[in-house]
C-alpha atoms as a PDB file:
ATOM      1  CA  MET A   1      11.811 -26.558   5.214  1.00  0.00           C
ATOM      2  CA  GLY A   2      12.267 -23.338   3.270  1.00  0.00           C
ATOM      3  CA  SER A   3      15.448 -21.371   3.497  1.00  0.00           C
ATOM      4  CA  TRP A   4      15.815 -17.890   4.961  1.00  0.00           C
ATOM      5  CA  PRO A   5      17.966 -15.265   3.253  1.00  0.00           C
ATOM      6  CA  SER A   6      21.235 -14.639   5.015  1.00  0.00           C
ATOM      7  CA  VAL A   7      21.735 -11.020   6.070  1.00  0.00           C
ATOM      8  CA  ALA A   8      24.830  -9.810   7.901  1.00  0.00           C
ATOM      9  CA  ARG A   9      24.148  -8.208  11.277  1.00  0.00           C
ATOM     10  CA  ASP A  10      25.020  -4.647  10.218  1.00  0.00           C
ATOM     11  CA  SER A  11      23.587  -4.771   6.707  1.00  0.00           C
ATOM     12  CA  ARG A  12      20.091  -4.192   5.438  1.00  0.00           C
ATOM     13  CA  PRO A  13      18.556  -5.829   2.400  1.00  0.00           C
ATOM     14  CA  ALA A  14      17.816  -3.364  -0.382  1.00  0.00           C
ATOM     15  CA  ALA A  15      14.193  -2.443  -0.951  1.00  0.00           C
ATOM     16  CA  ARG A  16      12.739  -3.568  -4.271  1.00  0.00           C
ATOM     17  CA  LEU A  17      10.224  -0.834  -5.012  1.00  0.00           C
ATOM     18  CA  SER A  18       7.723  -1.137  -7.825  1.00  0.00           C
ATOM     19  CA  PRO A  19       8.699   0.681 -11.023  1.00  0.00           C
ATOM     20  CA  ASN A  20       5.033   1.566 -11.689  1.00  0.00           C
ATOM     21  CA  THR A  21       4.307   5.300 -12.028  1.00  0.00           C
ATOM     22  CA  SER A  22       0.804   5.067 -13.513  1.00  0.00           C
ATOM     23  CA  LEU A  23      -2.157   5.831 -11.225  1.00  0.00           C
ATOM     24  CA  GLU A  24      -4.377   3.842 -13.585  1.00  0.00           C
ATOM     25  CA  ARG A  25      -2.277   0.698 -13.073  1.00  0.00           C
ATOM     26  CA  MET A  26      -1.555   1.311  -9.399  1.00  0.00           C
ATOM     27  CA  PHE A  27      -1.846  -1.804  -7.211  1.00  0.00           C
ATOM     28  CA  TRP A  28      -2.208  -0.272  -3.775  1.00  0.00           C
ATOM     29  CA  THR A  29      -3.640  -0.468  -0.302  1.00  0.00           C
ATOM     30  CA  TYR A  30      -5.164   2.103   2.000  1.00  0.00           C
ATOM     31  CA  GLY A  31      -5.687   2.490   5.710  1.00  0.00           C
ATOM     32  CA  PHE A  32      -9.430   2.713   6.302  1.00  0.00           C
ATOM     33  CA  ARG A  33      -9.528   3.325  10.027  1.00  0.00           C
ATOM     34  CA  GLY A  34     -11.760   5.811  11.680  1.00  0.00           C
ATOM     35  CA  ARG A  35     -14.966   7.683  11.239  1.00  0.00           C
ATOM     36  CA  PRO A  36     -16.851   9.221   9.588  1.00  0.00           C
ATOM     37  CA  ALA A  37     -16.673   6.645   6.790  1.00  0.00           C
ATOM     38  CA  ARG A  38     -18.252   8.955   4.206  1.00  0.00           C
ATOM     39  CA  ALA A  39     -15.466  11.516   4.620  1.00  0.00           C
ATOM     40  CA  LEU A  40     -12.767   8.828   4.241  1.00  0.00           C
ATOM     41  CA  VAL A  41     -14.355   7.464   1.066  1.00  0.00           C
ATOM     42  CA  GLU A  42     -14.639  10.994  -0.334  1.00  0.00           C
ATOM     43  CA  VAL A  43     -10.886  11.481   0.149  1.00  0.00           C
ATOM     44  CA  LEU A  44     -10.018   8.129  -1.461  1.00  0.00           C
ATOM     45  CA  ALA A  45     -12.730   8.051  -4.169  1.00  0.00           C
ATOM     46  CA  THR A  46     -10.721   9.518  -7.054  1.00  0.00           C
ATOM     47  CA  LEU A  47      -7.755   7.211  -6.437  1.00  0.00           C
ATOM     48  CA  ILE A  48      -9.996   4.144  -6.076  1.00  0.00           C
ATOM     49  CA  ASP A  49     -11.943   4.975  -9.246  1.00  0.00           C
ATOM     50  CA  THR A  50      -8.784   5.747 -11.247  1.00  0.00           C
ATOM     51  CA  SER A  51      -7.043   2.476 -10.426  1.00  0.00           C
ATOM     52  CA  SER A  52     -10.025   0.125 -10.203  1.00  0.00           C
ATOM     53  CA  ARG A  53     -10.085  -1.081 -13.828  1.00  0.00           C
ATOM     54  CA  ARG A  54      -6.406  -1.693 -14.624  1.00  0.00           C
ATOM     55  CA  GLY A  55      -4.943  -1.844 -11.136  1.00  0.00           C
ATOM     56  CA  GLY A  56      -6.338  -2.811  -7.763  1.00  0.00           C
ATOM     57  CA  THR A  57      -7.141  -1.433  -4.320  1.00  0.00           C
ATOM     58  CA  PHE A  58      -7.253  -3.228  -0.999  1.00  0.00           C
ATOM     59  CA  ASP A  59      -7.733  -2.585   2.690  1.00  0.00           C
ATOM     60  CA  LEU A  60      -5.542  -5.304   4.139  1.00  0.00           C
ATOM     61  CA  GLY A  61      -6.097  -4.293   7.760  1.00  0.00           C
ATOM     62  CA  SER A  62      -2.450  -3.931   8.790  1.00  0.00           C
ATOM     63  CA  ALA A  63      -0.285  -0.904   8.066  1.00  0.00           C
ATOM     64  CA  THR A  64       2.835  -2.873   8.996  1.00  0.00           C
ATOM     65  CA  PHE A  65       2.028  -5.632   6.516  1.00  0.00           C
ATOM     66  CA  ASP A  66       1.143  -3.033   3.865  1.00  0.00           C
ATOM     67  CA  MET A  67       4.511  -1.312   4.260  1.00  0.00           C
ATOM     68  CA  THR A  68       6.431  -4.580   3.934  1.00  0.00           C
ATOM     69  CA  ARG A  69       4.634  -5.221   0.624  1.00  0.00           C
ATOM     70  CA  ILE A  70       5.826  -1.780  -0.569  1.00  0.00           C
ATOM     71  CA  ALA A  71       9.427  -2.634   0.343  1.00  0.00           C
ATOM     72  CA  THR A  72       9.273  -5.908  -1.581  1.00  0.00           C
ATOM     73  CA  GLY A  73       7.663  -4.350  -4.659  1.00  0.00           C
ATOM     74  CA  GLN A  74       4.432  -6.326  -4.296  1.00  0.00           C
ATOM     75  CA  LEU A  75       2.355  -3.157  -3.870  1.00  0.00           C
ATOM     76  CA  ASP A  76       2.858   0.273  -5.446  1.00  0.00           C
ATOM     77  CA  ALA A  77       1.591   2.485  -2.625  1.00  0.00           C
ATOM     78  CA  TYR A  78       0.010   2.727   0.809  1.00  0.00           C
ATOM     79  CA  VAL A  79      -2.333   5.663   1.454  1.00  0.00           C
ATOM     80  CA  ARG A  80      -3.451   6.569   4.952  1.00  0.00           C
ATOM     81  CA  SER A  81      -6.137   9.204   5.212  1.00  0.00           C
ATOM     82  CA  LEU A  82      -6.927  11.054   8.398  1.00  0.00           C
ATOM     83  CA  VAL A  83     -10.128  12.871   9.130  1.00  0.00           C
ATOM     84  CA  ARG A  84      -9.639  15.771  11.479  1.00  0.00           C
ATOM     85  CA  GLY A  85     -12.678  16.823  13.380  1.00  0.00           C
END
């Protein structure tokens, strides 16, 4: 069995955020929930295009999971777009 890190009851483990500051190398996820889809893609298009060659974009389907990957430094950013009608 694997071992679990020991954390004291009143302490919190430190976040290990990614040191990346380059949009072109950004490894990120986005929340693609809602309609109309065309409006959401229009909002995200520049970010997706900028980071698609040297970075990566994903819709992982879970904002909670996405945020834990930010805290562990496995992803650089989480973007949630809202379309107001």
